Protein backbone atom coordinates (compact mmCIF):
# COMPACT_ATOMS: atom_id res chain seq x y z
CA UNK A 1 83.18 31.87 -51.95
CA UNK A 2 81.95 34.92 -50.23
CA UNK A 3 78.10 35.05 -49.80
CA UNK A 4 76.25 36.73 -52.52
CA UNK A 5 73.04 38.87 -52.83
CA UNK A 6 69.76 37.63 -54.42
CA UNK A 7 67.69 40.53 -55.42
CA UNK A 8 64.83 41.12 -57.70
CA UNK A 9 64.60 44.48 -59.32
CA UNK A 10 61.45 46.40 -58.06
CA UNK A 11 60.99 49.24 -60.37
CA UNK A 12 60.30 52.43 -57.96
CA UNK A 13 61.77 50.27 -54.83
CA UNK A 14 64.39 52.68 -53.21
CA UNK A 15 66.80 49.74 -52.33
CA UNK A 16 66.60 47.56 -55.24
CA UNK A 17 66.83 50.77 -57.58
CA UNK A 18 70.20 51.98 -55.99
CA UNK A 19 71.61 48.35 -56.07
CA UNK A 20 70.91 47.68 -59.86
CA UNK A 21 72.27 51.24 -60.64
CA UNK A 22 75.35 51.02 -58.53
CA UNK A 23 76.40 47.30 -58.00
CA UNK A 24 78.35 45.13 -60.24
CA UNK A 25 78.94 41.36 -60.06
CA UNK A 26 82.55 42.26 -58.59
CA UNK A 27 81.16 45.03 -56.02
CA UNK A 28 81.90 44.41 -52.30
CA UNK A 29 79.83 45.76 -49.52
CA UNK A 30 79.62 45.52 -45.71
CA UNK A 31 76.68 44.23 -44.14
CA UNK A 32 75.65 44.22 -40.43
CA UNK A 33 74.58 40.88 -38.64
CA UNK A 34 70.96 40.12 -38.58
CA UNK A 35 68.93 42.55 -36.50
CA UNK A 36 65.55 41.17 -36.67
CA UNK A 37 63.61 38.15 -35.33
CA UNK A 38 64.00 36.00 -38.39
CA UNK A 39 66.50 33.95 -36.54
CA UNK A 40 66.91 30.26 -35.78
CA UNK A 41 66.83 29.11 -32.05
CA UNK A 42 70.24 28.55 -30.60
CA UNK A 43 69.01 24.72 -29.80
CA UNK A 44 66.78 23.27 -32.43
CA UNK A 45 64.68 20.72 -30.99
CA UNK A 46 61.98 20.32 -33.73
CA UNK A 47 61.57 19.72 -37.41
CA UNK A 48 62.20 22.82 -39.54
CA UNK A 49 60.12 23.75 -42.42
CA UNK A 50 61.38 26.48 -44.67
CA UNK A 51 58.94 27.65 -47.25
CA UNK A 52 59.80 30.43 -49.65
CA UNK A 53 58.99 31.59 -53.03
CA UNK A 54 61.41 33.47 -55.49
CA UNK A 55 64.10 35.32 -53.89
CA UNK A 56 62.74 34.40 -50.50
CA UNK A 57 65.11 31.75 -50.73
CA UNK A 58 68.09 33.95 -49.95
CA UNK A 59 67.65 34.14 -45.98
CA UNK A 60 66.62 30.55 -45.92
CA UNK A 61 69.38 29.06 -47.76
CA UNK A 62 71.61 31.16 -45.49
CA UNK A 63 70.06 29.51 -42.33
CA UNK A 64 70.23 26.18 -43.77
CA UNK A 65 73.97 26.45 -44.88
CA UNK A 66 74.72 27.82 -41.22
CA UNK A 67 73.21 24.76 -39.67
CA UNK A 68 75.27 22.42 -41.81
CA UNK A 69 78.42 24.57 -41.90
CA UNK A 70 78.48 24.99 -38.09
CA UNK A 71 77.30 21.26 -37.60
CA UNK A 72 74.22 22.49 -35.27
CA UNK A 73 72.35 19.52 -34.27
CA UNK A 74 69.00 19.31 -35.89
CA UNK A 75 66.14 16.99 -36.85
CA UNK A 76 64.43 16.84 -40.16
CA UNK A 77 64.53 19.98 -42.57
CA UNK A 78 62.00 20.53 -45.21
CA UNK A 79 62.95 23.10 -47.90
CA UNK A 80 59.67 23.92 -49.89
CA UNK A 81 60.67 26.27 -52.62
CA UNK A 82 57.74 27.64 -54.97
CA UNK A 83 58.26 29.09 -58.33
CA UNK A 84 56.54 29.56 -61.57
CA UNK A 85 58.74 27.73 -64.14
CA UNK A 86 61.84 25.34 -63.67
CA UNK A 87 64.30 27.95 -64.78
CA UNK A 88 63.51 29.91 -61.66
CA UNK A 89 64.78 27.25 -59.16
CA UNK A 90 67.62 29.31 -57.58
CA UNK A 91 70.65 27.22 -55.99
CA UNK A 92 68.79 24.16 -57.55
CA UNK A 93 71.95 22.01 -58.17
CA UNK A 94 73.43 22.88 -54.70
CA UNK A 95 70.15 21.87 -52.84
CA UNK A 96 69.71 18.98 -54.68
CA UNK A 97 73.24 17.83 -53.86
CA UNK A 98 72.80 18.54 -50.09
CA UNK A 99 69.48 16.49 -50.08
CA UNK A 100 71.62 13.71 -51.28
CA UNK A 101 74.32 14.06 -48.82
CA UNK A 102 72.05 14.89 -45.78
CA UNK A 103 69.22 12.47 -45.39
CA UNK A 104 67.43 14.50 -42.97
CA UNK A 105 67.22 17.46 -45.65
CA UNK A 106 64.19 17.47 -47.98
CA UNK A 107 64.39 19.80 -51.00
CA UNK A 108 61.05 20.24 -52.64
CA UNK A 109 60.77 22.50 -55.38
CA UNK A 110 57.15 23.41 -56.50
CA UNK A 111 56.16 24.74 -59.87
CA UNK A 112 52.81 26.62 -60.22
CA UNK A 113 52.94 26.85 -64.03
CA UNK A 114 52.23 24.01 -66.45
CA UNK A 115 55.32 22.37 -67.73
CA UNK A 116 54.91 19.13 -69.27
CA UNK A 117 58.34 17.96 -68.68
CA UNK A 118 58.44 18.73 -65.05
CA UNK A 119 58.33 15.53 -62.92
CA UNK A 120 58.37 17.21 -59.50
CA UNK A 121 55.78 18.69 -57.38
CA UNK A 122 53.15 21.04 -58.93
CA UNK A 123 50.86 23.67 -57.71
CA UNK A 124 51.61 25.95 -54.67
CA UNK A 125 53.76 25.57 -51.60
CA UNK A 126 50.63 25.48 -49.34
CA UNK A 127 49.59 21.91 -50.29
CA UNK A 128 52.82 20.67 -49.92
CA UNK A 129 53.32 21.58 -46.30
CA UNK A 130 49.77 20.79 -45.46
CA UNK A 131 50.31 17.24 -46.49
CA UNK A 132 53.84 16.87 -44.79
CA UNK A 133 52.63 18.22 -41.40
CA UNK A 134 48.96 17.07 -41.35
CA UNK A 135 50.42 14.89 -38.36
CA UNK A 136 50.86 18.17 -36.49
CA UNK A 137 54.35 17.04 -35.33
CA UNK A 138 56.28 19.80 -33.52
CA UNK A 139 57.75 21.90 -35.94
CA UNK A 140 59.08 25.58 -36.38
CA UNK A 141 58.10 27.17 -39.89
CA UNK A 142 60.31 29.80 -41.57
CA UNK A 143 58.39 31.64 -44.39
CA UNK A 144 59.91 34.00 -46.77
CA UNK A 145 58.36 35.54 -49.87
CA UNK A 146 55.49 37.78 -51.08
CA UNK A 147 53.09 39.09 -48.54
CA UNK A 148 50.21 37.18 -49.83
CA UNK A 149 51.96 33.85 -49.54
CA UNK A 150 52.95 34.69 -46.16
CA UNK A 151 49.35 35.70 -45.08
CA UNK A 152 47.92 32.59 -46.55
CA UNK A 153 50.52 30.41 -44.99
CA UNK A 154 49.96 31.78 -41.53
CA UNK A 155 46.20 31.07 -41.95
CA UNK A 156 46.76 27.59 -43.04
CA UNK A 157 49.27 26.68 -40.55
CA UNK A 158 47.15 28.02 -37.78
CA UNK A 159 44.09 26.12 -39.31
CA UNK A 160 46.44 22.81 -39.01
CA UNK A 161 46.92 23.55 -35.30
CA UNK A 162 50.31 25.44 -35.10
CA UNK A 163 50.42 28.78 -33.01
CA UNK A 164 51.98 31.98 -33.85
CA UNK A 165 55.09 31.11 -31.72
CA UNK A 166 55.92 28.22 -34.36
CA UNK A 167 55.80 30.43 -37.35
CA UNK A 168 58.35 33.14 -38.47
CA UNK A 169 58.18 35.30 -41.38
CA UNK A 170 59.89 37.69 -43.43
CA UNK A 171 58.31 39.40 -46.70
CA UNK A 172 59.93 41.40 -49.45
CA UNK A 173 57.09 43.33 -50.71
């Protein structure tokens, strides 16, 4: 299957408005290669921690699949995905299956809204990575989501002792 787009409609947003009005599920479009700095290192020497909310999962999922499809040597990968409700967990089945197949991959969905049937992690993404990385092990953090989440994550990770060079982020505000 060709890669797809994961887009939230933002009323008044130039890009999403155009896409919602002009694209269909069958629409094909060309895209360029990544041009920014939100890229994985050529050699992965530390653990990776992907932290995302909502459609912020899209670039991190692509990076994860690139690691596995190209058989890039790596250490542990923690994928912390925050959503409000269980129904919002995009790519859930795929990521749960990967976690079974790849023992070094840890898929950690977190829900912020009350759901009495949910047996998984509750709250916000911040408490999850703070607990996992309280030991300050060498790690590269990739963050994607709303600006407020990214700002809080930067502050909390730096308070844990990680420097800016260990934290990459991309917002979609």
